[in-house]
């Protein structure tokens, strides 16, 4: 990647009408923090690997551990984070717990991210 500097205005002048309009449309601080926390979850490669696996199929913790070459404990920890952020859901079948993506939004987010980095 080529490193470029951000360009700045040559003149310091606030456009108060634009500032007022944008400020009125900005989400509140709580919403901003929740969104930042949501995107932080995507900042971990293990969690991304889990989500990519779940894009393909509903799987149990044992399958994920085998697939990703990790311990069930490590997988369970990451699944707990993903579940707290409502990115995955689970269902029990006998003694086995299967995980899947919570909804289609997650697939869209991952797909758009992959498309973006492939450009």
PDB file of N, CA and C in Angstrom:
ATOM      1  N   UNK A   1       0.823  -1.180   0.000  1.00  0.00           N
ATOM      2  CA  UNK A   1       0.000   0.000   0.000  1.00  0.00           C
ATOM      3  C   UNK A   1       0.870   1.248   0.000  1.00  0.00           C
ATOM      4  N   UNK A   2       0.474   2.210  -0.769  1.00  0.00           N
ATOM      5  CA  UNK A   2       1.186   3.474  -0.818  1.00  0.00           C
ATOM      6  C   UNK A   2       0.725   4.341   0.339  1.00  0.00           C
ATOM      7  N   UNK A   3       1.699   4.886   1.057  1.00  0.00           N
ATOM      8  CA  UNK A   3       1.389   5.747   2.193  1.00  0.00           C
ATOM      9  C   UNK A   3       1.173   7.169   1.692  1.00  0.00           C
ATOM     10  N   UNK A   4       0.033   7.760   2.044  1.00  0.00           N
ATOM     11  CA  UNK A   4      -0.246   9.132   1.638  1.00  0.00           C
ATOM     12  C   UNK A   4      -0.648   9.936   2.859  1.00  0.00           C
ATOM     13  N   UNK A   5      -0.351  11.211   2.784  1.00  0.00           N
ATOM     14  CA  UNK A   5      -0.744  12.110   3.871  1.00  0.00           C
ATOM     15  C   UNK A   5      -2.145  12.629   3.627  1.00  0.00           C
ATOM     16  N   UNK A   6      -2.861  12.867   4.692  1.00  0.00           N
ATOM     17  CA  UNK A   6      -4.178  13.490   4.584  1.00  0.00           C
ATOM     18  C   UNK A   6      -3.980  14.958   4.237  1.00  0.00           C
ATOM     19  N   UNK A   7      -4.819  15.458   3.393  1.00  0.00           N
ATOM     20  CA  UNK A   7      -4.722  16.866   3.024  1.00  0.00           C
ATOM     21  C   UNK A   7      -5.577  17.684   3.969  1.00  0.00           C
ATOM     22  N   UNK A   8      -5.134  18.903   4.240  1.00  0.00           N
ATOM     23  CA  UNK A   8      -5.850  19.819   5.124  1.00  0.00           C
ATOM     24  C   UNK A   8      -6.245  21.070   4.347  1.00  0.00           C
ATOM     25  N   UNK A   9      -7.191  21.778   4.908  1.00  0.00           N
ATOM     26  CA  UNK A   9      -7.604  23.055   4.307  1.00  0.00           C
ATOM     27  C   UNK A   9      -6.453  24.054   4.413  1.00  0.00           C
ATOM     28  N   UNK A  10      -6.349  24.901   3.425  1.00  0.00           N
ATOM     29  CA  UNK A  10      -5.339  25.957   3.457  1.00  0.00           C
ATOM     30  C   UNK A  10      -5.803  27.126   4.318  1.00  0.00           C
ATOM     31  N   UNK A  11      -7.107  27.240   4.512  1.00  0.00           N
ATOM     32  CA  UNK A  11      -7.694  28.313   5.294  1.00  0.00           C
ATOM     33  C   UNK A  11      -8.546  27.681   6.389  1.00  0.00           C
ATOM     34  N   UNK A  12      -8.396  28.173   7.616  1.00  0.00           N
ATOM     35  CA  UNK A  12      -9.217  27.673   8.718  1.00  0.00           C
ATOM     36  C   UNK A  12     -10.488  28.503   8.787  1.00  0.00           C
ATOM     37  N   UNK A  13     -11.603  27.861   8.418  1.00  0.00           N
ATOM     38  CA  UNK A  13     -12.890  28.555   8.435  1.00  0.00           C
ATOM     39  C   UNK A  13     -13.978  27.516   8.674  1.00  0.00           C
ATOM     40  N   UNK A  14     -14.707  27.674   9.751  1.00  0.00           N
ATOM     41  CA  UNK A  14     -15.789  26.746  10.061  1.00  0.00           C
ATOM     42  C   UNK A  14     -17.037  27.113   9.273  1.00  0.00           C
ATOM     43  N   UNK A  15     -17.688  26.115   8.733  1.00  0.00           N
ATOM     44  CA  UNK A  15     -18.941  26.300   7.993  1.00  0.00           C
ATOM     45  C   UNK A  15     -20.075  25.958   8.961  1.00  0.00           C
ATOM     46  N   UNK A  16     -20.526  26.974   9.695  1.00  0.00           N
ATOM     47  CA  UNK A  16     -21.467  26.751  10.800  1.00  0.00           C
ATOM     48  C   UNK A  16     -22.778  26.111  10.370  1.00  0.00           C
ATOM     49  N   UNK A  17     -23.251  26.419   9.174  1.00  0.00           N
ATOM     50  CA  UNK A  17     -24.510  25.811   8.717  1.00  0.00           C
ATOM     51  C   UNK A  17     -24.348  24.305   8.528  1.00  0.00           C
ATOM     52  N   UNK A  18     -23.227  23.889   7.961  1.00  0.00           N
ATOM     53  CA  UNK A  18     -22.960  22.460   7.775  1.00  0.00           C
ATOM     54  C   UNK A  18     -22.758  21.782   9.121  1.00  0.00           C
ATOM     55  N   UNK A  19     -21.998  22.421   9.997  1.00  0.00           N
ATOM     56  CA  UNK A  19     -21.736  21.864  11.326  1.00  0.00           C
ATOM     57  C   UNK A  19     -23.046  21.650  12.077  1.00  0.00           C
ATOM     58  N   UNK A  20     -23.920  22.631  12.059  1.00  0.00           N
ATOM     59  CA  UNK A  20     -25.209  22.544  12.758  1.00  0.00           C
ATOM     60  C   UNK A  20     -26.046  21.384  12.199  1.00  0.00           C
ATOM     61  N   UNK A  21     -26.102  21.280  10.875  1.00  0.00           N
ATOM     62  CA  UNK A  21     -26.887  20.214  10.239  1.00  0.00           C
ATOM     63  C   UNK A  21     -26.329  18.831  10.575  1.00  0.00           C
ATOM     64  N   UNK A  22     -25.036  18.683  10.446  1.00  0.00           N
ATOM     65  CA  UNK A  22     -24.400  17.385  10.733  1.00  0.00           C
ATOM     66  C   UNK A  22     -24.549  17.035  12.205  1.00  0.00           C
ATOM     67  N   UNK A  23     -24.313  17.987  13.090  1.00  0.00           N
ATOM     68  CA  UNK A  23     -24.440  17.740  14.525  1.00  0.00           C
ATOM     69  C   UNK A  23     -25.850  17.247  14.871  1.00  0.00           C
ATOM     70  N   UNK A  24     -26.858  17.819  14.226  1.00  0.00           N
ATOM     71  CA  UNK A  24     -28.242  17.418  14.474  1.00  0.00           C
ATOM     72  C   UNK A  24     -28.559  16.012  14.009  1.00  0.00           C
ATOM     73  N   UNK A  25     -27.787  15.510  13.067  1.00  0.00           N
ATOM     74  CA  UNK A  25     -28.027  14.169  12.527  1.00  0.00           C
ATOM     75  C   UNK A  25     -27.117  13.101  13.115  1.00  0.00           C
ATOM     76  N   UNK A  26     -26.137  13.503  13.876  1.00  0.00           N
ATOM     77  CA  UNK A  26     -25.186  12.545  14.467  1.00  0.00           C
ATOM     78  C   UNK A  26     -25.885  11.695  15.529  1.00  0.00           C
ATOM     79  N   UNK A  27     -25.532  10.405  15.593  1.00  0.00           N
ATOM     80  CA  UNK A  27     -26.084   9.557  16.661  1.00  0.00           C
ATOM     81  C   UNK A  27     -25.574  10.028  18.022  1.00  0.00           C
ATOM     82  N   UNK A  28     -26.293   9.668  19.071  1.00  0.00           N
ATOM     83  CA  UNK A  28     -25.879  10.012  20.425  1.00  0.00           C
ATOM     84  C   UNK A  28     -24.638   9.246  20.842  1.00  0.00           C
ATOM     85  N   UNK A  29     -24.024   9.695  21.919  1.00  0.00           N
ATOM     86  CA  UNK A  29     -22.775   9.089  22.396  1.00  0.00           C
ATOM     87  C   UNK A  29     -22.931   7.616  22.750  1.00  0.00           C
ATOM     88  N   UNK A  30     -24.057   7.240  23.344  1.00  0.00           N
ATOM     89  CA  UNK A  30     -24.278   5.835  23.707  1.00  0.00           C
ATOM     90  C   UNK A  30     -24.310   4.979  22.441  1.00  0.00           C
ATOM     91  N   UNK A  31     -25.013   5.451  21.432  1.00  0.00           N
ATOM     92  CA  UNK A  31     -25.095   4.716  20.166  1.00  0.00           C
ATOM     93  C   UNK A  31     -23.724   4.622  19.507  1.00  0.00           C
ATOM     94  N   UNK A  32     -22.975   5.708  19.524  1.00  0.00           N
ATOM     95  CA  UNK A  32     -21.616   5.707  18.954  1.00  0.00           C
ATOM     96  C   UNK A  32     -20.754   4.664  19.659  1.00  0.00           C
ATOM     97  N   UNK A  33     -20.814   4.612  20.991  1.00  0.00           N
ATOM     98  CA  UNK A  33     -20.015   3.648  21.742  1.00  0.00           C
ATOM     99  C   UNK A  33     -20.438   2.218  21.436  1.00  0.00           C
ATOM    100  N   UNK A  34     -21.747   1.984  21.343  1.00  0.00           N
ATOM    101  CA  UNK A  34     -22.239   0.638  21.022  1.00  0.00           C
ATOM    102  C   UNK A  34     -21.761   0.212  19.631  1.00  0.00           C
ATOM    103  N   UNK A  35     -21.768   1.128  18.685  1.00  0.00           N
ATOM    104  CA  UNK A  35     -21.298   0.819  17.338  1.00  0.00           C
ATOM    105  C   UNK A  35     -19.795   0.532  17.332  1.00  0.00           C
ATOM    106  N   UNK A  36     -19.035   1.321  18.083  1.00  0.00           N
ATOM    107  CA  UNK A  36     -17.592   1.089  18.186  1.00  0.00           C
ATOM    108  C   UNK A  36     -17.314  -0.288  18.798  1.00  0.00           C
ATOM    109  N   UNK A  37     -18.053  -0.637  19.845  1.00  0.00           N
ATOM    110  CA  UNK A  37     -17.888  -1.954  20.480  1.00  0.00           C
ATOM    111  C   UNK A  37     -18.250  -3.076  19.512  1.00  0.00           C
ATOM    112  N   UNK A  38     -19.302  -2.861  18.729  1.00  0.00           N
ATOM    113  CA  UNK A  38     -19.716  -3.841  17.733  1.00  0.00           C
ATOM    114  C   UNK A  38     -18.579  -4.106  16.752  1.00  0.00           C
ATOM    115  N   UNK A  39     -17.977  -3.045  16.236  1.00  0.00           N
ATOM    116  CA  UNK A  39     -16.907  -3.221  15.258  1.00  0.00           C
ATOM    117  C   UNK A  39     -15.614  -3.742  15.877  1.00  0.00           C
ATOM    118  N   UNK A  40     -15.396  -3.512  17.153  1.00  0.00           N
ATOM    119  CA  UNK A  40     -14.213  -4.074  17.823  1.00  0.00           C
ATOM    120  C   UNK A  40     -14.208  -5.588  17.746  1.00  0.00           C
ATOM    121  N   UNK A  41     -15.400  -6.188  17.806  1.00  0.00           N
ATOM    122  CA  UNK A  41     -15.502  -7.645  17.747  1.00  0.00           C
ATOM    123  C   UNK A  41     -14.882  -8.167  16.458  1.00  0.00           C
ATOM    124  N   UNK A  42     -14.985  -7.400  15.379  1.00  0.00           N
ATOM    125  CA  UNK A  42     -14.442  -7.807  14.095  1.00  0.00           C
ATOM    126  C   UNK A  42     -12.927  -7.593  14.012  1.00  0.00           C
ATOM    127  N   UNK A  43     -12.321  -7.042  15.060  1.00  0.00           N
ATOM    128  CA  UNK A  43     -10.892  -6.770  15.073  1.00  0.00           C
ATOM    129  C   UNK A  43     -10.046  -7.941  15.522  1.00  0.00           C
ATOM    130  N   UNK A  44     -10.648  -9.102  15.713  1.00  0.00           N
ATOM    131  CA  UNK A  44      -9.921 -10.279  16.182  1.00  0.00           C
ATOM    132  C   UNK A  44      -9.968 -11.361  15.100  1.00  0.00           C
ATOM    133  N   UNK A  45      -8.799 -11.829  14.651  1.00  0.00           N
ATOM    134  CA  UNK A  45      -8.730 -12.800  13.556  1.00  0.00           C
ATOM    135  C   UNK A  45      -9.424 -14.116  13.901  1.00  0.00           C
ATOM    136  N   UNK A  46      -9.334 -14.555  15.147  1.00  0.00           N
ATOM    137  CA  UNK A  46     -10.000 -15.804  15.530  1.00  0.00           C
ATOM    138  C   UNK A  46     -11.510 -15.670  15.390  1.00  0.00           C
ATOM    139  N   UNK A  47     -12.049 -14.563  15.842  1.00  0.00           N
ATOM    140  CA  UNK A  47     -13.494 -14.366  15.714  1.00  0.00           C
ATOM    141  C   UNK A  47     -13.912 -14.288  14.246  1.00  0.00           C
ATOM    142  N   UNK A  48     -13.098 -13.659  13.419  1.00  0.00           N
ATOM    143  CA  UNK A  48     -13.394 -13.608  11.980  1.00  0.00           C
ATOM    144  C   UNK A  48     -13.361 -15.013  11.390  1.00  0.00           C
ATOM    145  N   UNK A  49     -12.397 -15.818  11.787  1.00  0.00           N
ATOM    146  CA  UNK A  49     -12.324 -17.202  11.293  1.00  0.00           C
ATOM    147  C   UNK A  49     -13.580 -17.973  11.692  1.00  0.00           C
ATOM    148  N   UNK A  50     -14.028 -17.789  12.919  1.00  0.00           N
ATOM    149  CA  UNK A  50     -15.254 -18.456  13.381  1.00  0.00           C
ATOM    150  C   UNK A  50     -16.445 -17.999  12.547  1.00  0.00           C
ATOM    151  N   UNK A  51     -16.577 -16.695  12.353  1.00  0.00           N
ATOM    152  CA  UNK A  51     -17.689 -16.173  11.559  1.00  0.00           C
ATOM    153  C   UNK A  51     -17.635 -16.686  10.124  1.00  0.00           C
ATOM    154  N   UNK A  52     -16.447 -16.768   9.546  1.00  0.00           N
ATOM    155  CA  UNK A  52     -16.311 -17.292   8.181  1.00  0.00           C
ATOM    156  C   UNK A  52     -16.719 -18.760   8.118  1.00  0.00           C
ATOM    157  N   UNK A  53     -16.388 -19.522   9.144  1.00  0.00           N
ATOM    158  CA  UNK A  53     -16.815 -20.929   9.196  1.00  0.00           C
ATOM    159  C   UNK A  53     -18.337 -21.005   9.290  1.00  0.00           C
ATOM    160  N   UNK A  54     -18.911 -20.144  10.114  1.00  0.00           N
ATOM    161  CA  UNK A  54     -20.360 -20.159  10.296  1.00  0.00           C
ATOM    162  C   UNK A  54     -21.105 -19.630   9.069  1.00  0.00           C
ATOM    163  N   UNK A  55     -20.401 -18.917   8.208  1.00  0.00           N
ATOM    164  CA  UNK A  55     -20.992 -18.526   6.920  1.00  0.00           C
ATOM    165  C   UNK A  55     -21.279 -19.762   6.073  1.00  0.00           C
ATOM    166  N   UNK A  56     -20.469 -20.804   6.281  1.00  0.00           N
ATOM    167  CA  UNK A  56     -20.576 -22.013   5.472  1.00  0.00           C
ATOM    168  C   UNK A  56     -21.604 -22.999   6.003  1.00  0.00           C
ATOM    169  N   UNK A  57     -21.671 -23.112   7.346  1.00  0.00           N
ATOM    170  CA  UNK A  57     -22.560 -24.123   7.933  1.00  0.00           C
ATOM    171  C   UNK A  57     -22.754 -23.872   9.417  1.00  0.00           C
ATOM    172  N   UNK A  58     -23.816 -24.439   9.946  1.00  0.00           N
ATOM    173  CA  UNK A  58     -24.047 -24.467  11.386  1.00  0.00           C
ATOM    174  C   UNK A  58     -23.132 -25.563  11.936  1.00  0.00           C
ATOM    175  N   UNK A  59     -22.336 -25.240  12.947  1.00  0.00           N
ATOM    176  CA  UNK A  59     -21.383 -26.216  13.485  1.00  0.00           C
ATOM    177  C   UNK A  59     -21.346 -26.162  15.005  1.00  0.00           C
ATOM    178  N   UNK A  60     -20.850 -27.225  15.607  1.00  0.00           N
ATOM    179  CA  UNK A  60     -20.716 -27.272  17.063  1.00  0.00           C
ATOM    180  C   UNK A  60     -19.307 -26.826  17.456  1.00  0.00           C
ATOM    181  N   UNK A  61     -19.110 -26.634  18.743  1.00  0.00           N
ATOM    182  CA  UNK A  61     -17.815 -26.179  19.274  1.00  0.00           C
ATOM    183  C   UNK A  61     -16.714 -27.167  18.913  1.00  0.00           C
ATOM    184  N   UNK A  62     -17.006 -28.462  19.014  1.00  0.00           N
ATOM    185  CA  UNK A  62     -16.006 -29.492  18.675  1.00  0.00           C
ATOM    186  C   UNK A  62     -15.542 -29.347  17.227  1.00  0.00           C
ATOM    187  N   UNK A  63     -16.510 -29.134  16.321  1.00  0.00           N
ATOM    188  CA  UNK A  63     -16.181 -28.973  14.905  1.00  0.00           C
ATOM    189  C   UNK A  63     -15.344 -27.722  14.678  1.00  0.00           C
ATOM    190  N   UNK A  64     -15.718 -26.637  15.330  1.00  0.00           N
ATOM    191  CA  UNK A  64     -14.950 -25.395  15.185  1.00  0.00           C
ATOM    192  C   UNK A  64     -13.533 -25.557  15.709  1.00  0.00           C
ATOM    193  N   UNK A  65     -13.383 -26.225  16.845  1.00  0.00           N
ATOM    194  CA  UNK A  65     -12.056 -26.448  17.425  1.00  0.00           C
ATOM    195  C   UNK A  65     -11.181 -27.241  16.456  1.00  0.00           C
ATOM    196  N   UNK A  66     -11.740 -28.291  15.885  1.00  0.00           N
ATOM    197  CA  UNK A  66     -11.001 -29.119  14.918  1.00  0.00           C
ATOM    198  C   UNK A  66     -10.684 -28.319  13.662  1.00  0.00           C
ATOM    199  N   UNK A  67     -11.667 -27.631  13.151  1.00  0.00           N
ATOM    200  CA  UNK A  67     -11.514 -26.852  11.924  1.00  0.00           C
ATOM    201  C   UNK A  67     -10.437 -25.778  12.056  1.00  0.00           C
ATOM    202  N   UNK A  68     -10.419 -25.088  13.197  1.00  0.00           N
ATOM    203  CA  UNK A  68      -9.495 -23.961  13.386  1.00  0.00           C
ATOM    204  C   UNK A  68      -8.213 -24.345  14.115  1.00  0.00           C
ATOM    205  N   UNK A  69      -8.106 -25.616  14.544  1.00  0.00           N
ATOM    206  CA  UNK A  69      -6.891 -26.060  15.236  1.00  0.00           C
ATOM    207  C   UNK A  69      -6.710 -25.390  16.584  1.00  0.00           C
ATOM    208  N   UNK A  70      -7.799 -25.248  17.314  1.00  0.00           N
ATOM    209  CA  UNK A  70      -7.769 -24.586  18.620  1.00  0.00           C
ATOM    210  C   UNK A  70      -8.467 -25.458  19.650  1.00  0.00           C
ATOM    211  N   UNK A  71      -8.296 -25.110  20.912  1.00  0.00           N
ATOM    212  CA  UNK A  71      -8.971 -25.847  21.975  1.00  0.00           C
ATOM    213  C   UNK A  71     -10.451 -25.457  22.026  1.00  0.00           C
ATOM    214  N   UNK A  72     -11.269 -26.367  22.533  1.00  0.00           N
ATOM    215  CA  UNK A  72     -12.686 -26.067  22.699  1.00  0.00           C
ATOM    216  C   UNK A  72     -12.878 -24.898  23.650  1.00  0.00           C
ATOM    217  N   UNK A  73     -12.018 -24.799  24.648  1.00  0.00           N
ATOM    218  CA  UNK A  73     -12.100 -23.703  25.613  1.00  0.00           C
ATOM    219  C   UNK A  73     -11.888 -22.351  24.929  1.00  0.00           C
ATOM    220  N   UNK A  74     -10.876 -22.286  24.067  1.00  0.00           N
ATOM    221  CA  UNK A  74     -10.586 -21.036  23.356  1.00  0.00           C
ATOM    222  C   UNK A  74     -11.739 -20.677  22.414  1.00  0.00           C
ATOM    223  N   UNK A  75     -12.287 -21.683  21.747  1.00  0.00           N
ATOM    224  CA  UNK A  75     -13.418 -21.446  20.848  1.00  0.00           C
ATOM    225  C   UNK A  75     -14.623 -20.967  21.646  1.00  0.00           C
ATOM    226  N   UNK A  76     -14.901 -21.626  22.765  1.00  0.00           N
ATOM    227  CA  UNK A  76     -16.042 -21.255  23.609  1.00  0.00           C
ATOM    228  C   UNK A  76     -15.937 -19.817  24.090  1.00  0.00           C
ATOM    229  N   UNK A  77     -14.720 -19.408  24.457  1.00  0.00           N
ATOM    230  CA  UNK A  77     -14.512 -18.028  24.906  1.00  0.00           C
ATOM    231  C   UNK A  77     -14.888 -17.044  23.799  1.00  0.00           C
ATOM    232  N   UNK A  78     -14.420 -17.299  22.577  1.00  0.00           N
ATOM    233  CA  UNK A  78     -14.708 -16.398  21.466  1.00  0.00           C
ATOM    234  C   UNK A  78     -16.194 -16.430  21.092  1.00  0.00           C
ATOM    235  N   UNK A  79     -16.805 -17.601  21.168  1.00  0.00           N
ATOM    236  CA  UNK A  79     -18.236 -17.702  20.885  1.00  0.00           C
ATOM    237  C   UNK A  79     -19.057 -16.916  21.900  1.00  0.00           C
ATOM    238  N   UNK A  80     -18.610 -16.903  23.148  1.00  0.00           N
ATOM    239  CA  UNK A  80     -19.304 -16.136  24.188  1.00  0.00           C
ATOM    240  C   UNK A  80     -19.299 -14.650  23.827  1.00  0.00           C
ATOM    241  N   UNK A  81     -18.153 -14.145  23.365  1.00  0.00           N
ATOM    242  CA  UNK A  81     -18.046 -12.740  22.945  1.00  0.00           C
ATOM    243  C   UNK A  81     -18.978 -12.481  21.761  1.00  0.00           C
ATOM    244  N   UNK A  82     -18.948 -13.371  20.777  1.00  0.00           N
ATOM    245  CA  UNK A  82     -19.787 -13.204  19.594  1.00  0.00           C
ATOM    246  C   UNK A  82     -21.271 -13.265  19.944  1.00  0.00           C
ATOM    247  N   UNK A  83     -21.615 -14.118  20.892  1.00  0.00           N
ATOM    248  CA  UNK A  83     -23.017 -14.228  21.299  1.00  0.00           C
ATOM    249  C   UNK A  83     -23.452 -12.983  22.072  1.00  0.00           C
ATOM    250  N   UNK A  84     -22.588 -12.459  22.939  1.00  0.00           N
ATOM    251  CA  UNK A  84     -22.912 -11.245  23.695  1.00  0.00           C
ATOM    252  C   UNK A  84     -23.185 -10.076  22.755  1.00  0.00           C
ATOM    253  N   UNK A  85     -22.485 -10.043  21.628  1.00  0.00           N
ATOM    254  CA  UNK A  85     -22.662  -8.961  20.656  1.00  0.00           C
ATOM    255  C   UNK A  85     -23.750  -9.290  19.633  1.00  0.00           C
ATOM    256  N   UNK A  86     -24.455 -10.401  19.859  1.00  0.00           N
ATOM    257  CA  UNK A  86     -25.588 -10.821  19.013  1.00  0.00           C
ATOM    258  C   UNK A  86     -25.178 -11.105  17.571  1.00  0.00           C
ATOM    259  N   UNK A  87     -23.959 -11.643  17.392  1.00  0.00           N
ATOM    260  CA  UNK A  87     -23.487 -12.011  16.063  1.00  0.00           C
ATOM    261  C   UNK A  87     -23.743 -13.481  15.760  1.00  0.00           C
ATOM    262  N   UNK A  88     -23.821 -14.302  16.815  1.00  0.00           N
ATOM    263  CA  UNK A  88     -24.108 -15.722  16.636  1.00  0.00           C
ATOM    264  C   UNK A  88     -25.244 -16.129  17.567  1.00  0.00           C
ATOM    265  N   UNK A  89     -25.867 -17.235  17.213  1.00  0.00           N
ATOM    266  CA  UNK A  89     -26.901 -17.822  18.065  1.00  0.00           C
ATOM    267  C   UNK A  89     -26.590 -19.312  18.183  1.00  0.00           C
ATOM    268  N   UNK A  90     -27.211 -19.952  19.149  1.00  0.00           N
ATOM    269  CA  UNK A  90     -26.970 -21.378  19.305  1.00  0.00           C
ATOM    270  C   UNK A  90     -28.271 -22.124  19.541  1.00  0.00           C
ATOM    271  N   UNK A  91     -28.198 -23.415  19.300  1.00  0.00           N
ATOM    272  CA  UNK A  91     -29.325 -24.293  19.592  1.00  0.00           C
ATOM    273  C   UNK A  91     -28.759 -25.611  20.099  1.00  0.00           C
ATOM    274  N   UNK A  92     -29.477 -26.230  21.001  1.00  0.00           N
ATOM    275  CA  UNK A  92     -29.046 -27.497  21.591  1.00  0.00           C
ATOM    276  C   UNK A  92     -29.785 -28.638  20.917  1.00  0.00           C
ATOM    277  N   UNK A  93     -29.025 -29.680  20.592  1.00  0.00           N
ATOM    278  CA  UNK A  93     -29.589 -30.919  20.058  1.00  0.00           C
ATOM    279  C   UNK A  93     -28.991 -32.056  20.876  1.00  0.00           C
ATOM    280  N   UNK A  94     -29.759 -32.522  21.867  1.00  0.00           N
ATOM    281  CA  UNK A  94     -29.218 -33.517  22.793  1.00  0.00           C
ATOM    282  C   UNK A  94     -28.110 -32.904  23.620  1.00  0.00           C
ATOM    283  N   UNK A  95     -26.920 -33.504  23.520  1.00  0.00           N
ATOM    284  CA  UNK A  95     -25.766 -33.001  24.275  1.00  0.00           C
ATOM    285  C   UNK A  95     -24.882 -32.068  23.448  1.00  0.00           C
ATOM    286  N   UNK A  96     -25.288 -31.815  22.232  1.00  0.00           N
ATOM    287  CA  UNK A  96     -24.481 -30.996  21.329  1.00  0.00           C
ATOM    288  C   UNK A  96     -25.118 -29.621  21.153  1.00  0.00           C
ATOM    289  N   UNK A  97     -24.274 -28.588  21.172  1.00  0.00           N
ATOM    290  CA  UNK A  97     -24.731 -27.214  20.951  1.00  0.00           C
ATOM    291  C   UNK A  97     -24.188 -26.750  19.605  1.00  0.00           C
ATOM    292  N   UNK A  98     -25.088 -26.397  18.718  1.00  0.00           N
ATOM    293  CA  UNK A  98     -24.726 -25.924  17.390  1.00  0.00           C
ATOM    294  C   UNK A  98     -24.802 -24.407  17.332  1.00  0.00           C
ATOM    295  N   UNK A  99     -23.845 -23.812  16.635  1.00  0.00           N
ATOM    296  CA  UNK A  99     -23.792 -22.356  16.470  1.00  0.00           C
ATOM    297  C   UNK A  99     -24.019 -21.991  15.010  1.00  0.00           C
ATOM    298  N   UNK A 100     -24.634 -20.827  14.814  1.00  0.00           N
ATOM    299  CA  UNK A 100     -24.843 -20.283  13.479  1.00  0.00           C
ATOM    300  C   UNK A 100     -24.824 -18.761  13.577  1.00  0.00           C
ATOM    301  N   UNK A 101     -24.769 -18.103  12.426  1.00  0.00           N
ATOM    302  CA  UNK A 101     -24.824 -16.642  12.414  1.00  0.00           C
ATOM    303  C   UNK A 101     -26.191 -16.195  12.909  1.00  0.00           C
ATOM    304  N   UNK A 102     -26.219 -15.100  13.627  1.00  0.00           N
ATOM    305  CA  UNK A 102     -27.468 -14.618  14.230  1.00  0.00           C
ATOM    306  C   UNK A 102     -28.485 -14.197  13.166  1.00  0.00           C
ATOM    307  N   UNK A 103     -28.013 -13.577  12.088  1.00  0.00           N
ATOM    308  CA  UNK A 103     -28.932 -13.145  11.033  1.00  0.00           C
ATOM    309  C   UNK A 103     -28.152 -12.794   9.774  1.00  0.00           C
ATOM    310  N   UNK A 104     -28.867 -12.424   8.742  1.00  0.00           N
ATOM    311  CA  UNK A 104     -28.257 -12.117   7.452  1.00  0.00           C
ATOM    312  C   UNK A 104     -27.372 -10.888   7.446  1.00  0.00           C
ATOM    313  N   UNK A 105     -27.561 -10.004   8.426  1.00  0.00           N
ATOM    314  CA  UNK A 105     -26.719  -8.800   8.482  1.00  0.00           C
ATOM    315  C   UNK A 105     -25.252  -9.166   8.640  1.00  0.00           C
ATOM    316  N   UNK A 106     -24.978 -10.198   9.425  1.00  0.00           N
ATOM    317  CA  UNK A 106     -23.588 -10.583   9.687  1.00  0.00           C
ATOM    318  C   UNK A 106     -22.934 -11.058   8.387  1.00  0.00           C
ATOM    319  N   UNK A 107     -23.652 -11.857   7.620  1.00  0.00           N
ATOM    320  CA  UNK A 107     -23.137 -12.310   6.333  1.00  0.00           C
ATOM    321  C   UNK A 107     -22.851 -11.112   5.428  1.00  0.00           C
ATOM    322  N   UNK A 108     -23.741 -10.140   5.414  1.00  0.00           N
ATOM    323  CA  UNK A 108     -23.560  -8.946   4.589  1.00  0.00           C
ATOM    324  C   UNK A 108     -22.320  -8.170   5.019  1.00  0.00           C
ATOM    325  N   UNK A 109     -22.140  -7.991   6.326  1.00  0.00           N
ATOM    326  CA  UNK A 109     -20.989  -7.245   6.837  1.00  0.00           C
ATOM    327  C   UNK A 109     -19.688  -7.921   6.428  1.00  0.00           C
ATOM    328  N   UNK A 110     -19.620  -9.231   6.592  1.00  0.00           N
ATOM    329  CA  UNK A 110     -18.396  -9.965   6.234  1.00  0.00           C
ATOM    330  C   UNK A 110     -18.179  -9.926   4.727  1.00  0.00           C
ATOM    331  N   UNK A 111     -19.233 -10.162   3.961  1.00  0.00           N
ATOM    332  CA  UNK A 111     -19.113 -10.164   2.501  1.00  0.00           C
ATOM    333  C   UNK A 111     -18.664  -8.802   1.979  1.00  0.00           C
ATOM    334  N   UNK A 112     -19.237  -7.727   2.527  1.00  0.00           N
ATOM    335  CA  UNK A 112     -18.832  -6.391   2.071  1.00  0.00           C
ATOM    336  C   UNK A 112     -17.397  -6.073   2.481  1.00  0.00           C
ATOM    337  N   UNK A 113     -17.005  -6.533   3.666  1.00  0.00           N
ATOM    338  CA  UNK A 113     -15.614  -6.338   4.092  1.00  0.00           C
ATOM    339  C   UNK A 113     -14.646  -7.070   3.171  1.00  0.00           C
ATOM    340  N   UNK A 114     -14.987  -8.307   2.811  1.00  0.00           N
ATOM    341  CA  UNK A 114     -14.133  -9.086   1.903  1.00  0.00           C
ATOM    342  C   UNK A 114     -14.053  -8.413   0.535  1.00  0.00           C
ATOM    343  N   UNK A 115     -15.186  -7.917   0.069  1.00  0.00           N
ATOM    344  CA  UNK A 115     -15.221  -7.220  -1.218  1.00  0.00           C
ATOM    345  C   UNK A 115     -14.345  -5.964  -1.165  1.00  0.00           C
ATOM    346  N   UNK A 116     -14.423  -5.252  -0.067  1.00  0.00           N
ATOM    347  CA  UNK A 116     -13.648  -4.011   0.079  1.00  0.00           C
ATOM    348  C   UNK A 116     -12.150  -4.287   0.046  1.00  0.00           C
ATOM    349  N   UNK A 117     -11.689  -5.305   0.772  1.00  0.00           N
ATOM    350  CA  UNK A 117     -10.237  -5.558   0.807  1.00  0.00           C
ATOM    351  C   UNK A 117      -9.737  -6.206  -0.479  1.00  0.00           C
ATOM    352  N   UNK A 118     -10.651  -6.744  -1.292  1.00  0.00           N
ATOM    353  CA  UNK A 118     -10.259  -7.364  -2.559  1.00  0.00           C
ATOM    354  C   UNK A 118     -10.125  -6.351  -3.680  1.00  0.00           C
ATOM    355  N   UNK A 119     -10.587  -5.132  -3.473  1.00  0.00           N
ATOM    356  CA  UNK A 119     -10.533  -4.111  -4.542  1.00  0.00           C
ATOM    357  C   UNK A 119      -9.133  -3.632  -4.780  1.00  0.00           C
TER     358      UNK A 119
END
